[in-house]
Amino acid sequence: MRYYSSLICPELSERQVQIAMLIAQFKSNKEIARDLGIARPVVGEHITKMFVTLGLECRMQLVIWMLKRELITLDEIALPEQEV
């Protein structure tokens, strides 16, 4: 997955971009916290701030926002596996 600084995405901090990229991989707050080595409540605070800053209400809207701005591609989205 590509890495973006705040110069590419000025609306979000570098940490928020990292979290958004992991959200696009359908990771839970617990998984994101583990991957980034931060506390789970800190992940939630960052997500809340992103939603407020961007005027979004859910993770899917965040993924769509990132796609529209070409911060991620469809190939970079890890869709959850479906049970058959």
PDB file of N, CA and C in Angstrom:
ATOM      1  N   MET A   1       0.836  -1.174   0.000  1.00  0.00           N
ATOM      2  CA  MET A   1       0.000   0.000   0.000  1.00  0.00           C
ATOM      3  C   MET A   1       0.882   1.239   0.000  1.00  0.00           C
ATOM      4  N   ARG A   2       0.487   2.221  -0.765  1.00  0.00           N
ATOM      5  CA  ARG A   2       1.259   3.449  -0.863  1.00  0.00           C
ATOM      6  C   ARG A   2       1.181   4.247   0.434  1.00  0.00           C
ATOM      7  N   TYR A   3       2.170   5.105   0.639  1.00  0.00           N
ATOM      8  CA  TYR A   3       2.193   5.957   1.820  1.00  0.00           C
ATOM      9  C   TYR A   3       2.110   7.408   1.371  1.00  0.00           C
ATOM     10  N   TYR A   4       1.263   8.194   2.010  1.00  0.00           N
ATOM     11  CA  TYR A   4       1.081   9.593   1.651  1.00  0.00           C
ATOM     12  C   TYR A   4       1.365  10.492   2.839  1.00  0.00           C
ATOM     13  N   SER A   5       2.019  11.587   2.569  1.00  0.00           N
ATOM     14  CA  SER A   5       2.252  12.586   3.609  1.00  0.00           C
ATOM     15  C   SER A   5       1.100  13.584   3.593  1.00  0.00           C
ATOM     16  N   SER A   6       1.136  14.494   4.544  1.00  0.00           N
ATOM     17  CA  SER A   6       0.084  15.506   4.614  1.00  0.00           C
ATOM     18  C   SER A   6       0.154  16.475   3.434  1.00  0.00           C
ATOM     19  N   LEU A   7       1.251  16.466   2.674  1.00  0.00           N
ATOM     20  CA  LEU A   7       1.333  17.309   1.482  1.00  0.00           C
ATOM     21  C   LEU A   7       0.396  16.795   0.394  1.00  0.00           C
ATOM     22  N   ILE A   8       0.241  15.478   0.303  1.00  0.00           N
ATOM     23  CA  ILE A   8      -0.634  14.874  -0.695  1.00  0.00           C
ATOM     24  C   ILE A   8      -2.090  14.934  -0.224  1.00  0.00           C
ATOM     25  N   CYS A   9      -2.291  14.803   1.062  1.00  0.00           N
ATOM     26  CA  CYS A   9      -3.631  14.778   1.649  1.00  0.00           C
ATOM     27  C   CYS A   9      -3.668  15.767   2.818  1.00  0.00           C
ATOM     28  N   PRO A  10      -3.765  17.060   2.526  1.00  0.00           N
ATOM     29  CA  PRO A  10      -3.646  18.073   3.588  1.00  0.00           C
ATOM     30  C   PRO A  10      -4.767  18.045   4.625  1.00  0.00           C
ATOM     31  N   GLU A  11      -5.892  17.411   4.299  1.00  0.00           N
ATOM     32  CA  GLU A  11      -7.005  17.365   5.249  1.00  0.00           C
ATOM     33  C   GLU A  11      -6.714  16.462   6.447  1.00  0.00           C
ATOM     34  N   LEU A  12      -5.803  15.513   6.264  1.00  0.00           N
ATOM     35  CA  LEU A  12      -5.541  14.512   7.293  1.00  0.00           C
ATOM     36  C   LEU A  12      -4.083  14.541   7.725  1.00  0.00           C
ATOM     37  N   SER A  13      -3.843  14.166   8.983  1.00  0.00           N
ATOM     38  CA  SER A  13      -2.477  14.020   9.469  1.00  0.00           C
ATOM     39  C   SER A  13      -1.874  12.739   8.890  1.00  0.00           C
ATOM     40  N   GLU A  14      -0.566  12.598   9.013  1.00  0.00           N
ATOM     41  CA  GLU A  14       0.082  11.386   8.508  1.00  0.00           C
ATOM     42  C   GLU A  14      -0.459  10.147   9.205  1.00  0.00           C
ATOM     43  N   ARG A  15      -0.688  10.231  10.518  1.00  0.00           N
ATOM     44  CA  ARG A  15      -1.229   9.088  11.265  1.00  0.00           C
ATOM     45  C   ARG A  15      -2.643   8.768  10.781  1.00  0.00           C
ATOM     46  N   GLN A  16      -3.445   9.801  10.519  1.00  0.00           N
ATOM     47  CA  GLN A  16      -4.803   9.568  10.038  1.00  0.00           C
ATOM     48  C   GLN A  16      -4.785   8.907   8.669  1.00  0.00           C
ATOM     49  N   VAL A  17      -3.845   9.279   7.830  1.00  0.00           N
ATOM     50  CA  VAL A  17      -3.721   8.631   6.517  1.00  0.00           C
ATOM     51  C   VAL A  17      -3.358   7.160   6.700  1.00  0.00           C
ATOM     52  N   GLN A  18      -2.439   6.870   7.623  1.00  0.00           N
ATOM     53  CA  GLN A  18      -2.081   5.474   7.895  1.00  0.00           C
ATOM     54  C   GLN A  18      -3.311   4.685   8.340  1.00  0.00           C
ATOM     55  N   ILE A  19      -4.092   5.271   9.236  1.00  0.00           N
ATOM     56  CA  ILE A  19      -5.294   4.602   9.735  1.00  0.00           C
ATOM     57  C   ILE A  19      -6.309   4.422   8.611  1.00  0.00           C
ATOM     58  N   ALA A  20      -6.482   5.447   7.787  1.00  0.00           N
ATOM     59  CA  ALA A  20      -7.425   5.350   6.670  1.00  0.00           C
ATOM     60  C   ALA A  20      -7.031   4.237   5.710  1.00  0.00           C
ATOM     61  N   MET A  21      -5.731   4.084   5.465  1.00  0.00           N
ATOM     62  CA  MET A  21      -5.260   3.017   4.577  1.00  0.00           C
ATOM     63  C   MET A  21      -5.603   1.638   5.163  1.00  0.00           C
ATOM     64  N   LEU A  22      -5.481   1.508   6.465  1.00  0.00           N
ATOM     65  CA  LEU A  22      -5.811   0.229   7.103  1.00  0.00           C
ATOM     66  C   LEU A  22      -7.319   0.003   7.142  1.00  0.00           C
ATOM     67  N   ILE A  23      -8.088   1.075   7.246  1.00  0.00           N
ATOM     68  CA  ILE A  23      -9.550   0.951   7.156  1.00  0.00           C
ATOM     69  C   ILE A  23      -9.932   0.423   5.781  1.00  0.00           C
ATOM     70  N   ALA A  24      -9.218   0.865   4.746  1.00  0.00           N
ATOM     71  CA  ALA A  24      -9.487   0.389   3.384  1.00  0.00           C
ATOM     72  C   ALA A  24      -9.192  -1.099   3.240  1.00  0.00           C
ATOM     73  N   GLN A  25      -8.424  -1.654   4.175  1.00  0.00           N
ATOM     74  CA  GLN A  25      -8.153  -3.089   4.183  1.00  0.00           C
ATOM     75  C   GLN A  25      -9.138  -3.814   5.091  1.00  0.00           C
ATOM     76  N   PHE A  26     -10.174  -3.118   5.510  1.00  0.00           N
ATOM     77  CA  PHE A  26     -11.237  -3.643   6.373  1.00  0.00           C
ATOM     78  C   PHE A  26     -10.700  -4.169   7.705  1.00  0.00           C
ATOM     79  N   LYS A  27      -9.691  -3.485   8.232  1.00  0.00           N
ATOM     80  CA  LYS A  27      -9.150  -3.866   9.535  1.00  0.00           C
ATOM     81  C   LYS A  27      -9.983  -3.225  10.638  1.00  0.00           C
ATOM     82  N   SER A  28     -10.118  -3.929  11.742  1.00  0.00           N
ATOM     83  CA  SER A  28     -10.846  -3.417  12.907  1.00  0.00           C
ATOM     84  C   SER A  28      -9.961  -2.427  13.663  1.00  0.00           C
ATOM     85  N   ASN A  29     -10.573  -1.674  14.566  1.00  0.00           N
ATOM     86  CA  ASN A  29      -9.796  -0.754  15.390  1.00  0.00           C
ATOM     87  C   ASN A  29      -8.719  -1.509  16.165  1.00  0.00           C
ATOM     88  N   LYS A  30      -9.054  -2.690  16.645  1.00  0.00           N
ATOM     89  CA  LYS A  30      -8.101  -3.507  17.397  1.00  0.00           C
ATOM     90  C   LYS A  30      -6.909  -3.890  16.511  1.00  0.00           C
ATOM     91  N   GLU A  31      -7.188  -4.307  15.283  1.00  0.00           N
ATOM     92  CA  GLU A  31      -6.113  -4.683  14.360  1.00  0.00           C
ATOM     93  C   GLU A  31      -5.264  -3.478  13.977  1.00  0.00           C
ATOM     94  N   ILE A  32      -5.909  -2.338  13.748  1.00  0.00           N
ATOM     95  CA  ILE A  32      -5.185  -1.117  13.397  1.00  0.00           C
ATOM     96  C   ILE A  32      -4.264  -0.717  14.549  1.00  0.00           C
ATOM     97  N   ALA A  33      -4.783  -0.758  15.770  1.00  0.00           N
ATOM     98  CA  ALA A  33      -3.983  -0.412  16.948  1.00  0.00           C
ATOM     99  C   ALA A  33      -2.759  -1.321  17.045  1.00  0.00           C
ATOM    100  N   ARG A  34      -2.981  -2.619  16.849  1.00  0.00           N
ATOM    101  CA  ARG A  34      -1.875  -3.580  16.910  1.00  0.00           C
ATOM    102  C   ARG A  34      -0.846  -3.292  15.817  1.00  0.00           C
ATOM    103  N   ASP A  35      -1.314  -3.074  14.582  1.00  0.00           N
ATOM    104  CA  ASP A  35      -0.406  -2.851  13.453  1.00  0.00           C
ATOM    105  C   ASP A  35       0.427  -1.585  13.627  1.00  0.00           C
ATOM    106  N   LEU A  36      -0.168  -0.540  14.216  1.00  0.00           N
ATOM    107  CA  LEU A  36       0.532   0.738  14.361  1.00  0.00           C
ATOM    108  C   LEU A  36       1.192   0.914  15.726  1.00  0.00           C
ATOM    109  N   GLY A  37       0.949  -0.022  16.631  1.00  0.00           N
ATOM    110  CA  GLY A  37       1.557   0.058  17.948  1.00  0.00           C
ATOM    111  C   GLY A  37       1.001   1.193  18.797  1.00  0.00           C
ATOM    112  N   ILE A  38      -0.311   1.434  18.672  1.00  0.00           N
ATOM    113  CA  ILE A  38      -0.966   2.477  19.463  1.00  0.00           C
ATOM    114  C   ILE A  38      -2.173   1.874  20.173  1.00  0.00           C
ATOM    115  N   ALA A  39      -2.718   2.605  21.129  1.00  0.00           N
ATOM    116  CA  ALA A  39      -3.869   2.118  21.886  1.00  0.00           C
ATOM    117  C   ALA A  39      -5.136   2.179  21.033  1.00  0.00           C
ATOM    118  N   ARG A  40      -6.040   1.229  21.265  1.00  0.00           N
ATOM    119  CA  ARG A  40      -7.287   1.177  20.514  1.00  0.00           C
ATOM    120  C   ARG A  40      -8.111   2.462  20.654  1.00  0.00           C
ATOM    121  N   PRO A  41      -8.217   3.074  21.855  1.00  0.00           N
ATOM    122  CA  PRO A  41      -8.980   4.329  21.950  1.00  0.00           C
ATOM    123  C   PRO A  41      -8.391   5.463  21.101  1.00  0.00           C
ATOM    124  N   VAL A  42      -7.074   5.442  20.913  1.00  0.00           N
ATOM    125  CA  VAL A  42      -6.430   6.465  20.078  1.00  0.00           C
ATOM    126  C   VAL A  42      -6.870   6.290  18.624  1.00  0.00           C
ATOM    127  N   VAL A  43      -6.989   5.056  18.180  1.00  0.00           N
ATOM    128  CA  VAL A  43      -7.474   4.784  16.821  1.00  0.00           C
ATOM    129  C   VAL A  43      -8.874   5.358  16.659  1.00  0.00           C
ATOM    130  N   GLY A  44      -9.748   5.089  17.629  1.00  0.00           N
ATOM    131  CA  GLY A  44     -11.112   5.611  17.580  1.00  0.00           C
ATOM    132  C   GLY A  44     -11.160   7.132  17.544  1.00  0.00           C
ATOM    133  N   GLU A  45     -10.280   7.772  18.306  1.00  0.00           N
ATOM    134  CA  GLU A  45     -10.226   9.242  18.307  1.00  0.00           C
ATOM    135  C   GLU A  45      -9.818   9.771  16.937  1.00  0.00           C
ATOM    136  N   HIS A  46      -8.836   9.132  16.324  1.00  0.00           N
ATOM    137  CA  HIS A  46      -8.400   9.555  14.987  1.00  0.00           C
ATOM    138  C   HIS A  46      -9.526   9.379  13.973  1.00  0.00           C
ATOM    139  N   ILE A  47     -10.227   8.271  14.041  1.00  0.00           N
ATOM    140  CA  ILE A  47     -11.320   8.007  13.102  1.00  0.00           C
ATOM    141  C   ILE A  47     -12.421   9.048  13.276  1.00  0.00           C
ATOM    142  N   THR A  48     -12.781   9.337  14.509  1.00  0.00           N
ATOM    143  CA  THR A  48     -13.805  10.353  14.774  1.00  0.00           C
ATOM    144  C   THR A  48     -13.386  11.703  14.200  1.00  0.00           C
ATOM    145  N   LYS A  49     -12.125  12.080  14.423  1.00  0.00           N
ATOM    146  CA  LYS A  49     -11.633  13.364  13.895  1.00  0.00           C
ATOM    147  C   LYS A  49     -11.668  13.385  12.366  1.00  0.00           C
ATOM    148  N   MET A  50     -11.322  12.247  11.736  1.00  0.00           N
ATOM    149  CA  MET A  50     -11.379  12.180  10.271  1.00  0.00           C
ATOM    150  C   MET A  50     -12.805  12.379   9.780  1.00  0.00           C
ATOM    151  N   PHE A  51     -13.761  11.695  10.406  1.00  0.00           N
ATOM    152  CA  PHE A  51     -15.155  11.813   9.987  1.00  0.00           C
ATOM    153  C   PHE A  51     -15.641  13.254  10.116  1.00  0.00           C
ATOM    154  N   VAL A  52     -15.311  13.905  11.218  1.00  0.00           N
ATOM    155  CA  VAL A  52     -15.735  15.297  11.433  1.00  0.00           C
ATOM    156  C   VAL A  52     -15.071  16.212  10.404  1.00  0.00           C
ATOM    157  N   THR A  53     -13.763  16.058  10.242  1.00  0.00           N
ATOM    158  CA  THR A  53     -13.012  16.908   9.313  1.00  0.00           C
ATOM    159  C   THR A  53     -13.527  16.777   7.887  1.00  0.00           C
ATOM    160  N   LEU A  54     -13.842  15.562   7.473  1.00  0.00           N
ATOM    161  CA  LEU A  54     -14.236  15.295   6.086  1.00  0.00           C
ATOM    162  C   LEU A  54     -15.747  15.289   5.880  1.00  0.00           C
ATOM    163  N   GLY A  55     -16.518  15.413   6.962  1.00  0.00           N
ATOM    164  CA  GLY A  55     -17.975  15.405   6.854  1.00  0.00           C
ATOM    165  C   GLY A  55     -18.525  14.034   6.490  1.00  0.00           C
ATOM    166  N   LEU A  56     -17.909  12.988   7.030  1.00  0.00           N
ATOM    167  CA  LEU A  56     -18.316  11.621   6.723  1.00  0.00           C
ATOM    168  C   LEU A  56     -18.985  10.983   7.930  1.00  0.00           C
ATOM    169  N   GLU A  57     -19.690   9.871   7.678  1.00  0.00           N
ATOM    170  CA  GLU A  57     -20.413   9.197   8.751  1.00  0.00           C
ATOM    171  C   GLU A  57     -19.975   7.754   8.986  1.00  0.00           C
ATOM    172  N   CYS A  58     -19.239   7.168   8.045  1.00  0.00           N
ATOM    173  CA  CYS A  58     -18.880   5.757   8.220  1.00  0.00           C
ATOM    174  C   CYS A  58     -17.591   5.435   7.462  1.00  0.00           C
ATOM    175  N   ARG A  59     -17.076   4.260   7.746  1.00  0.00           N
ATOM    176  CA  ARG A  59     -15.827   3.802   7.130  1.00  0.00           C
ATOM    177  C   ARG A  59     -15.948   3.681   5.605  1.00  0.00           C
ATOM    178  N   MET A  60     -17.079   3.201   5.134  1.00  0.00           N
ATOM    179  CA  MET A  60     -17.242   3.039   3.693  1.00  0.00           C
ATOM    180  C   MET A  60     -17.170   4.392   2.983  1.00  0.00           C
ATOM    181  N   GLN A  61     -17.758   5.412   3.584  1.00  0.00           N
ATOM    182  CA  GLN A  61     -17.659   6.757   3.004  1.00  0.00           C
ATOM    183  C   GLN A  61     -16.199   7.212   2.956  1.00  0.00           C
ATOM    184  N   LEU A  62     -15.426   6.850   3.969  1.00  0.00           N
ATOM    185  CA  LEU A  62     -14.010   7.203   3.983  1.00  0.00           C
ATOM    186  C   LEU A  62     -13.270   6.506   2.840  1.00  0.00           C
ATOM    187  N   VAL A  63     -13.563   5.241   2.615  1.00  0.00           N
ATOM    188  CA  VAL A  63     -12.923   4.498   1.524  1.00  0.00           C
ATOM    189  C   VAL A  63     -13.302   5.131   0.179  1.00  0.00           C
ATOM    190  N   ILE A  64     -14.551   5.482  -0.001  1.00  0.00           N
ATOM    191  CA  ILE A  64     -14.986   6.123  -1.247  1.00  0.00           C
ATOM    192  C   ILE A  64     -14.300   7.475  -1.416  1.00  0.00           C
ATOM    193  N   TRP A  65     -14.186   8.244  -0.327  1.00  0.00           N
ATOM    194  CA  TRP A  65     -13.494   9.544  -0.353  1.00  0.00           C
ATOM    195  C   TRP A  65     -12.052   9.351  -0.826  1.00  0.00           C
ATOM    196  N   MET A  66     -11.390   8.309  -0.314  1.00  0.00           N
ATOM    197  CA  MET A  66     -10.004   8.034  -0.700  1.00  0.00           C
ATOM    198  C   MET A  66      -9.906   7.613  -2.172  1.00  0.00           C
ATOM    199  N   LEU A  67     -10.857   6.814  -2.628  1.00  0.00           N
ATOM    200  CA  LEU A  67     -10.871   6.401  -4.037  1.00  0.00           C
ATOM    201  C   LEU A  67     -11.050   7.595  -4.962  1.00  0.00           C
ATOM    202  N   LYS A  68     -11.970   8.479  -4.623  1.00  0.00           N
ATOM    203  CA  LYS A  68     -12.235   9.647  -5.466  1.00  0.00           C
ATOM    204  C   LYS A  68     -11.015  10.558  -5.590  1.00  0.00           C
ATOM    205  N   ARG A  69     -10.206  10.605  -4.550  1.00  0.00           N
ATOM    206  CA  ARG A  69      -9.012  11.451  -4.561  1.00  0.00           C
ATOM    207  C   ARG A  69      -7.763  10.693  -5.003  1.00  0.00           C
ATOM    208  N   GLU A  70      -7.980   9.449  -5.447  1.00  0.00           N
ATOM    209  CA  GLU A  70      -6.915   8.589  -5.949  1.00  0.00           C
ATOM    210  C   GLU A  70      -5.811   8.366  -4.914  1.00  0.00           C
ATOM    211  N   LEU A  71      -6.203   8.323  -3.636  1.00  0.00           N
ATOM    212  CA  LEU A  71      -5.257   7.977  -2.575  1.00  0.00           C
ATOM    213  C   LEU A  71      -5.085   6.469  -2.492  1.00  0.00           C
ATOM    214  N   ILE A  72      -6.090   5.740  -2.981  1.00  0.00           N
ATOM    215  CA  ILE A  72      -6.034   4.286  -3.079  1.00  0.00           C
ATOM    216  C   ILE A  72      -6.675   3.878  -4.400  1.00  0.00           C
ATOM    217  N   THR A  73      -6.395   2.655  -4.815  1.00  0.00           N
ATOM    218  CA  THR A  73      -7.038   2.102  -6.006  1.00  0.00           C
ATOM    219  C   THR A  73      -7.919   0.933  -5.577  1.00  0.00           C
ATOM    220  N   LEU A  74      -8.775   0.499  -6.454  1.00  0.00           N
ATOM    221  CA  LEU A  74      -9.625  -0.650  -6.142  1.00  0.00           C
ATOM    222  C   LEU A  74      -8.792  -1.887  -5.819  1.00  0.00           C
ATOM    223  N   ASP A  75      -7.638  -2.010  -6.451  1.00  0.00           N
ATOM    224  CA  ASP A  75      -6.762  -3.156  -6.190  1.00  0.00           C
ATOM    225  C   ASP A  75      -6.221  -3.156  -4.767  1.00  0.00           C
ATOM    226  N   GLU A  76      -6.159  -1.982  -4.143  1.00  0.00           N
ATOM    227  CA  GLU A  76      -5.617  -1.879  -2.789  1.00  0.00           C
ATOM    228  C   GLU A  76      -6.644  -2.124  -1.699  1.00  0.00           C
ATOM    229  N   ILE A  77      -7.892  -2.253  -2.073  1.00  0.00           N
ATOM    230  CA  ILE A  77      -8.934  -2.501  -1.094  1.00  0.00           C
ATOM    231  C   ILE A  77      -9.027  -4.001  -0.868  1.00  0.00           C
ATOM    232  N   ALA A  78      -8.864  -4.406   0.362  1.00  0.00           N
ATOM    233  CA  ALA A  78      -8.929  -5.824   0.712  1.00  0.00           C
ATOM    234  C   ALA A  78     -10.353  -6.151   1.133  1.00  0.00           C
ATOM    235  N   LEU A  79     -11.116  -6.696   0.220  1.00  0.00           N
ATOM    236  CA  LEU A  79     -12.502  -7.043   0.534  1.00  0.00           C
ATOM    237  C   LEU A  79     -12.544  -8.245   1.460  1.00  0.00           C
ATOM    238  N   PRO A  80     -13.425  -8.201   2.438  1.00  0.00           N
ATOM    239  CA  PRO A  80     -13.511  -9.354   3.348  1.00  0.00           C
ATOM    240  C   PRO A  80     -13.993 -10.584   2.591  1.00  0.00           C
ATOM    241  N   GLU A  81     -13.484 -11.735   3.008  1.00  0.00           N
ATOM    242  CA  GLU A  81     -13.888 -12.979   2.347  1.00  0.00           C
ATOM    243  C   GLU A  81     -15.320 -13.317   2.711  1.00  0.00           C
ATOM    244  N   GLN A  82     -16.059 -13.836   1.720  1.00  0.00           N
ATOM    245  CA  GLN A  82     -17.442 -14.214   1.952  1.00  0.00           C
ATOM    246  C   GLN A  82     -17.529 -15.702   2.184  1.00  0.00           C
ATOM    247  N   GLU A  83     -18.405 -16.075   3.089  1.00  0.00           N
ATOM    248  CA  GLU A  83     -18.622 -17.497   3.348  1.00  0.00           C
ATOM    249  C   GLU A  83     -19.537 -18.057   2.267  1.00  0.00           C
ATOM    250  N   VAL A  84     -19.258 -19.283   1.871  1.00  0.00           N
ATOM    251  CA  VAL A  84     -20.078 -19.940   0.845  1.00  0.00           C
ATOM    252  C   VAL A  84     -20.903 -21.023   1.468  1.00  0.00           C
TER     253      VAL A  84
END
